């Protein structure tokens, strides 16, 4: 399968996001709205591509760009190509002029995400804005919980960082999790040696462990942060699970999710998942030392 990189920009102005309507392109995207951006040129850096597209297609100038997420995506029109989409939140320069469209687009809108209709967006834009909404819901929910509400209650929300790793792939493997409350205090952690498995199996077992622990603690809402884009995309239904070895673990996870009123899955860079990664390595080291 061929792989290509692209960038997309999330520009938020007072709760409204900028989307552009396609005037050119294949039939499935023609006339639909998308986030600004596009494919990287050969040897081009992602931020340079981001600035190029915003300037050329919308006449916009970037003051600051912050990495928001990275998502893998297979285009329905060409399933032989897998895109790695790098998403940035963008702040425009203070002296920014009105949007000036290139010939690729014929209309632009600033719209609240809550008012966007799925059928007016490209498939990729639906995916990316769905992730943004998920993150917003998580952040707002945590912000609305006061310090007096940190008591363990069935309606409290928790964030669960999970990871899994295999030394050899397949090889000796372990999974780990860290659960933090709304004040970002660690309230539970753990790891499990899995024997000989693959990295992907270990990643899934990390999710299983996190769900089992959150269920045992009585929580009903869990927001998972995982550095495996494969697991995130599969759990969010964007990818099918073709590896039969993952099916039993996936089914166990789905059964556990029935005990919760809300479970979300989002991607974080590996450097933001070091605590869960540390639990994996600690578990593997302990087993090796004892072996």
Protein backbone atom coordinates (compact mmCIF):
# COMPACT_ATOMS: atom_id res chain seq x y z
CA UNK A 1 0.00 0.00 0.00
CA UNK A 2 1.32 3.46 -0.95
CA UNK A 3 1.58 6.09 1.74
CA UNK A 4 1.28 9.85 1.44
CA UNK A 5 1.45 12.69 3.93
CA UNK A 6 -0.91 15.62 4.10
CA UNK A 7 -1.66 18.49 6.47
CA UNK A 8 -4.89 20.10 7.63
CA UNK A 9 -5.54 23.27 9.62
CA UNK A 10 -8.09 23.87 12.35
CA UNK A 11 -8.61 27.62 12.59
CA UNK A 12 -10.97 28.56 15.40
CA UNK A 13 -12.42 32.05 15.63
CA UNK A 14 -14.75 32.61 18.60
CA UNK A 15 -16.03 29.05 18.51
CA UNK A 16 -16.33 28.91 14.72
CA UNK A 17 -14.09 26.82 12.47
CA UNK A 18 -13.05 27.73 8.91
CA UNK A 19 -14.10 25.34 6.14
CA UNK A 20 -13.68 25.75 2.37
CA UNK A 21 -16.01 24.49 -0.37
CA UNK A 22 -14.36 22.51 -3.20
CA UNK A 23 -14.73 23.98 -6.70
CA UNK A 24 -12.41 21.39 -8.27
CA UNK A 25 -11.55 17.75 -7.67
CA UNK A 26 -13.12 14.34 -8.02
CA UNK A 27 -16.86 13.86 -7.80
CA UNK A 28 -16.93 12.62 -4.20
CA UNK A 29 -15.41 15.86 -2.83
CA UNK A 30 -16.66 18.38 -5.40
CA UNK A 31 -19.05 20.85 -3.79
CA UNK A 32 -18.24 19.67 -0.25
CA UNK A 33 -16.50 21.56 2.53
CA UNK A 34 -13.12 20.64 3.96
CA UNK A 35 -10.51 21.96 6.34
CA UNK A 36 -7.73 23.95 4.63
CA UNK A 37 -4.65 21.96 3.63
CA UNK A 38 -3.46 19.26 1.26
CA UNK A 39 -0.69 16.85 0.30
CA UNK A 40 2.96 17.52 1.04
CA UNK A 41 5.30 18.09 -1.87
CA UNK A 42 8.39 15.88 -2.09
CA UNK A 43 10.86 16.83 0.66
CA UNK A 44 8.52 19.48 2.09
CA UNK A 45 8.19 19.92 5.85
CA UNK A 46 4.62 19.70 7.25
CA UNK A 47 4.52 23.23 8.70
CA UNK A 48 5.87 24.66 5.45
CA UNK A 49 3.12 22.86 3.54
CA UNK A 50 0.53 24.14 6.01
CA UNK A 51 1.63 27.74 5.52
CA UNK A 52 1.74 27.29 1.74
CA UNK A 53 -1.81 25.96 1.49
CA UNK A 54 -3.26 28.61 3.80
CA UNK A 55 -1.57 31.38 1.85
CA UNK A 56 -2.24 30.05 -1.66
CA UNK A 57 -5.80 28.77 -1.14
CA UNK A 58 -7.18 31.28 1.36
CA UNK A 59 -4.80 34.25 1.48
CA UNK A 60 -4.15 33.60 5.16
CA UNK A 61 -0.94 34.08 7.13
CA UNK A 62 0.02 31.87 10.07
CA UNK A 63 1.26 33.39 13.30
CA UNK A 64 1.53 30.09 15.17
CA UNK A 65 0.80 26.43 14.41
CA UNK A 66 0.54 23.77 17.11
CA UNK A 67 0.41 20.04 16.45
CA UNK A 68 -3.03 18.75 17.42
CA UNK A 69 -3.13 15.15 16.21
CA UNK A 70 -1.93 12.72 13.57
CA UNK A 71 -4.42 10.40 11.89
CA UNK A 72 -4.16 7.65 9.31
CA UNK A 73 -6.83 7.60 6.64
CA UNK A 74 -7.67 5.48 3.60
CA UNK A 75 -9.47 7.34 0.83
CA UNK A 76 -12.65 5.64 -0.37
CA UNK A 77 -11.79 6.58 -3.95
CA UNK A 78 -8.36 4.97 -3.87
CA UNK A 79 -7.95 2.27 -1.24
CA UNK A 80 -4.42 1.56 -2.43
CA UNK A 81 -3.24 4.77 -0.74
CA UNK A 82 -2.98 5.35 2.99
CA UNK A 83 -2.71 8.97 4.09
CA UNK A 84 -0.94 10.15 7.19
CA UNK A 85 -2.79 13.37 8.06
CA UNK A 86 -0.99 15.81 10.35
CA UNK A 87 -3.48 18.19 11.97
CA UNK A 88 -2.53 21.60 13.39
CA UNK A 89 -4.42 24.20 15.34
CA UNK A 90 -3.56 27.52 13.76
CA UNK A 91 -3.49 31.10 15.03
CA UNK A 92 -3.58 33.73 12.29
CA UNK A 93 -1.58 36.97 12.31
CA UNK A 94 -3.34 39.90 14.06
CA UNK A 95 -3.44 41.99 10.87
CA UNK A 96 -5.19 39.21 8.95
CA UNK A 97 -7.27 40.31 5.96
CA UNK A 98 -10.51 38.61 4.83
CA UNK A 99 -10.26 35.15 3.26
CA UNK A 100 -9.25 35.26 -0.41
CA UNK A 101 -9.96 31.99 -2.21
CA UNK A 102 -7.98 30.35 -4.99
CA UNK A 103 -9.61 28.60 -7.93
CA UNK A 104 -9.73 25.35 -5.93
CA UNK A 105 -12.56 26.73 -3.80
CA UNK A 106 -15.64 28.85 -4.45
CA UNK A 107 -16.97 29.52 -0.95
CA UNK A 108 -15.87 29.62 2.66
CA UNK A 109 -17.72 29.50 5.96
CA UNK A 110 -16.98 30.17 9.60
CA UNK A 111 -19.36 27.80 11.37
CA UNK A 112 -19.75 26.33 14.86
CA UNK A 113 -18.96 22.62 14.77
CA UNK A 114 -22.32 21.86 16.35
CA UNK A 115 -24.12 23.29 13.31
CA UNK A 116 -22.15 21.43 10.64
CA UNK A 117 -24.07 18.86 8.60
CA UNK A 118 -22.17 15.64 7.92
CA UNK A 119 -23.41 15.39 4.33
CA UNK A 120 -21.87 18.78 3.45
CA UNK A 121 -18.36 17.71 4.54
CA UNK A 122 -15.76 15.49 2.90
CA UNK A 123 -15.18 12.13 4.61
CA UNK A 124 -11.77 13.20 5.89
CA UNK A 125 -13.19 16.42 7.34
CA UNK A 126 -15.91 14.45 9.11
CA UNK A 127 -13.22 12.26 10.67
CA UNK A 128 -11.01 15.15 11.77
CA UNK A 129 -13.80 17.31 13.18
CA UNK A 130 -15.14 14.27 15.01
CA UNK A 131 -11.80 14.02 16.82
CA UNK A 132 -11.91 17.75 17.63
CA UNK A 133 -15.41 17.43 19.08
CA UNK A 134 -14.31 14.45 21.15
CA UNK A 135 -11.38 16.39 22.61
CA UNK A 136 -13.61 19.42 23.31
CA UNK A 137 -16.19 17.29 25.12
CA UNK A 138 -13.45 15.73 27.25
CA UNK A 139 -11.85 19.05 28.18
CA UNK A 140 -15.16 20.76 28.96
CA UNK A 141 -16.39 17.84 31.02
CA UNK A 142 -13.22 17.81 33.11
CA UNK A 143 -13.30 21.58 33.56
CA UNK A 144 -16.87 21.46 34.84
CA UNK A 145 -16.01 19.08 37.68
CA UNK A 146 -15.21 21.07 40.82
CA UNK A 147 -12.58 20.14 43.37
CA UNK A 148 -15.34 19.06 45.73
CA UNK A 149 -16.58 16.52 43.23
CA UNK A 150 -13.45 14.41 43.07
CA UNK A 151 -15.15 11.80 45.26
CA UNK A 152 -15.39 8.45 43.58
CA UNK A 153 -18.80 8.48 41.99
CA UNK A 154 -20.30 6.44 39.18
CA UNK A 155 -20.65 9.58 37.05
CA UNK A 156 -17.11 10.90 37.46
CA UNK A 157 -14.99 10.96 34.34
CA UNK A 158 -11.45 9.68 34.16
CA UNK A 159 -8.67 9.79 31.60
CA UNK A 160 -6.97 6.47 30.93
CA UNK A 161 -3.52 6.31 29.34
CA UNK A 162 -2.70 2.86 27.98
CA UNK A 163 0.20 1.23 26.18
CA UNK A 164 1.52 -2.15 25.17
CA UNK A 165 4.78 -3.44 23.83
CA UNK A 166 6.52 -6.53 22.55
CA UNK A 167 10.24 -7.13 22.64
CA UNK A 168 10.63 -8.97 19.38
CA UNK A 169 7.19 -8.47 17.81
CA UNK A 170 6.23 -11.19 18.43
CA UNK A 171 8.11 -11.69 21.64
CA UNK A 172 7.80 -11.21 25.41
CA UNK A 173 5.04 -8.62 25.83
CA UNK A 174 3.28 -6.55 28.45
CA UNK A 175 0.50 -4.00 28.71
CA UNK A 176 0.07 -1.11 31.11
CA UNK A 177 -2.35 1.65 32.09
CA UNK A 178 -2.50 4.83 34.14
CA UNK A 179 -5.81 6.33 35.30
CA UNK A 180 -5.92 10.01 36.26
CA UNK A 181 -8.78 12.04 37.68
CA UNK A 182 -9.95 15.54 36.71
CA UNK A 183 -7.11 17.13 38.69
CA UNK A 184 -4.62 14.97 36.76
CA UNK A 185 -3.76 12.99 39.88
CA UNK A 186 -2.94 9.31 39.32
CA UNK A 187 -5.61 7.21 41.00
CA UNK A 188 -4.75 3.78 39.60
CA UNK A 189 -2.05 2.09 37.59
CA UNK A 190 -1.06 -1.39 36.64
CA UNK A 191 0.61 -3.73 34.21
CA UNK A 192 0.30 -7.32 33.05
CA UNK A 193 2.79 -9.69 31.47
CA UNK A 194 1.19 -11.28 28.41
CA UNK A 195 3.65 -13.92 27.32
CA UNK A 196 4.57 -14.06 23.65
CA UNK A 197 2.39 -11.70 21.59
CA UNK A 198 2.67 -8.89 19.04
CA UNK A 199 2.80 -5.14 19.63
CA UNK A 200 -0.77 -4.71 18.40
CA UNK A 201 -2.09 -7.41 20.72
CA UNK A 202 -0.27 -5.80 23.63
CA UNK A 203 -1.73 -2.37 22.77
CA UNK A 204 -5.24 -3.85 22.83
CA UNK A 205 -4.61 -5.57 26.15
CA UNK A 206 -3.63 -2.17 27.56
CA UNK A 207 -7.11 -0.89 26.67
CA UNK A 208 -8.67 -3.98 28.23
CA UNK A 209 -6.73 -3.50 31.47
CA UNK A 210 -7.69 0.16 31.64
CA UNK A 211 -11.37 -0.62 31.15
CA UNK A 212 -11.32 -3.39 33.73
CA UNK A 213 -9.70 -1.09 36.29
CA UNK A 214 -12.07 1.84 35.57
CA UNK A 215 -15.05 -0.50 35.86
CA UNK A 216 -13.82 -1.92 39.16
CA UNK A 217 -13.38 1.61 40.52
CA UNK A 218 -16.98 2.42 39.62
CA UNK A 219 -16.44 4.99 36.89
CA UNK A 220 -18.96 5.30 34.06
CA UNK A 221 -17.10 7.62 31.67
CA UNK A 222 -13.57 6.94 30.45
CA UNK A 223 -11.52 8.88 27.92
CA UNK A 224 -8.65 6.82 26.54
CA UNK A 225 -5.38 8.39 25.36
CA UNK A 226 -3.35 5.99 23.21
CA UNK A 227 -0.22 6.50 21.12
CA UNK A 228 -1.16 3.76 18.63
CA UNK A 229 -3.09 5.37 15.77
CA UNK A 230 -4.05 1.89 14.55
CA UNK A 231 -5.85 1.06 17.80
CA UNK A 232 -7.51 4.50 17.97
CA UNK A 233 -8.76 4.29 14.38
CA UNK A 234 -10.00 0.73 14.83
CA UNK A 235 -11.78 1.46 18.11
CA UNK A 236 -13.41 4.52 16.51
CA UNK A 237 -14.58 2.38 13.60
CA UNK A 238 -12.45 4.03 10.93
CA UNK A 239 -10.50 0.82 10.25
CA UNK A 240 -11.70 -2.75 10.10
CA UNK A 241 -9.87 -5.32 12.22
CA UNK A 242 -8.42 -7.84 9.79
CA UNK A 243 -6.04 -9.59 12.18
CA UNK A 244 -7.93 -12.52 13.70
CA UNK A 245 -5.65 -12.59 16.72
CA UNK A 246 -7.09 -9.22 17.75
CA UNK A 247 -10.75 -10.25 17.51
CA UNK A 248 -11.08 -11.91 20.96
CA UNK A 249 -9.43 -8.95 22.71
CA UNK A 250 -11.56 -6.51 20.75
CA UNK A 251 -14.73 -8.40 21.71
CA UNK A 252 -13.71 -8.36 25.38
CA UNK A 253 -13.21 -4.59 25.15
CA UNK A 254 -16.64 -4.13 23.55
CA UNK A 255 -18.23 -6.18 26.33
CA UNK A 256 -16.53 -4.05 28.97
CA UNK A 257 -17.66 -0.84 27.25
CA UNK A 258 -21.28 -1.83 27.90
CA UNK A 259 -20.73 -1.03 31.59
CA UNK A 260 -19.94 2.62 30.72
CA UNK A 261 -22.15 5.49 29.60
CA UNK A 262 -19.29 7.00 27.55
CA UNK A 263 -15.95 5.70 26.31
CA UNK A 264 -13.81 7.73 23.90
CA UNK A 265 -10.51 6.98 22.17
CA UNK A 266 -8.05 9.62 20.97
CA UNK A 267 -4.44 9.65 19.86
CA UNK A 268 -1.57 11.24 21.79
CA UNK A 269 2.09 11.47 20.79
CA UNK A 270 4.34 8.89 22.45
CA UNK A 271 6.07 11.55 24.54
CA UNK A 272 2.71 12.28 26.21
CA UNK A 273 2.21 8.63 27.09
CA UNK A 274 5.40 8.00 29.01
CA UNK A 275 3.75 6.90 32.26
CA UNK A 276 1.84 4.05 30.59
CA UNK A 277 4.93 3.17 28.58
CA UNK A 278 6.88 3.06 31.83
CA UNK A 279 4.39 0.56 33.27
CA UNK A 280 4.92 -1.69 30.24
CA UNK A 281 8.71 -1.63 30.56
CA UNK A 282 8.56 -2.05 34.33
CA UNK A 283 6.37 -5.13 33.92
CA UNK A 284 8.63 -6.59 31.24
CA UNK A 285 11.78 -5.89 33.28
CA UNK A 286 10.27 -7.46 36.41
CA UNK A 287 9.30 -10.60 34.52
CA UNK A 288 12.75 -10.82 32.89
CA UNK A 289 14.51 -10.35 36.24
CA UNK A 290 12.35 -12.99 37.88
CA UNK A 291 12.76 -15.34 34.94
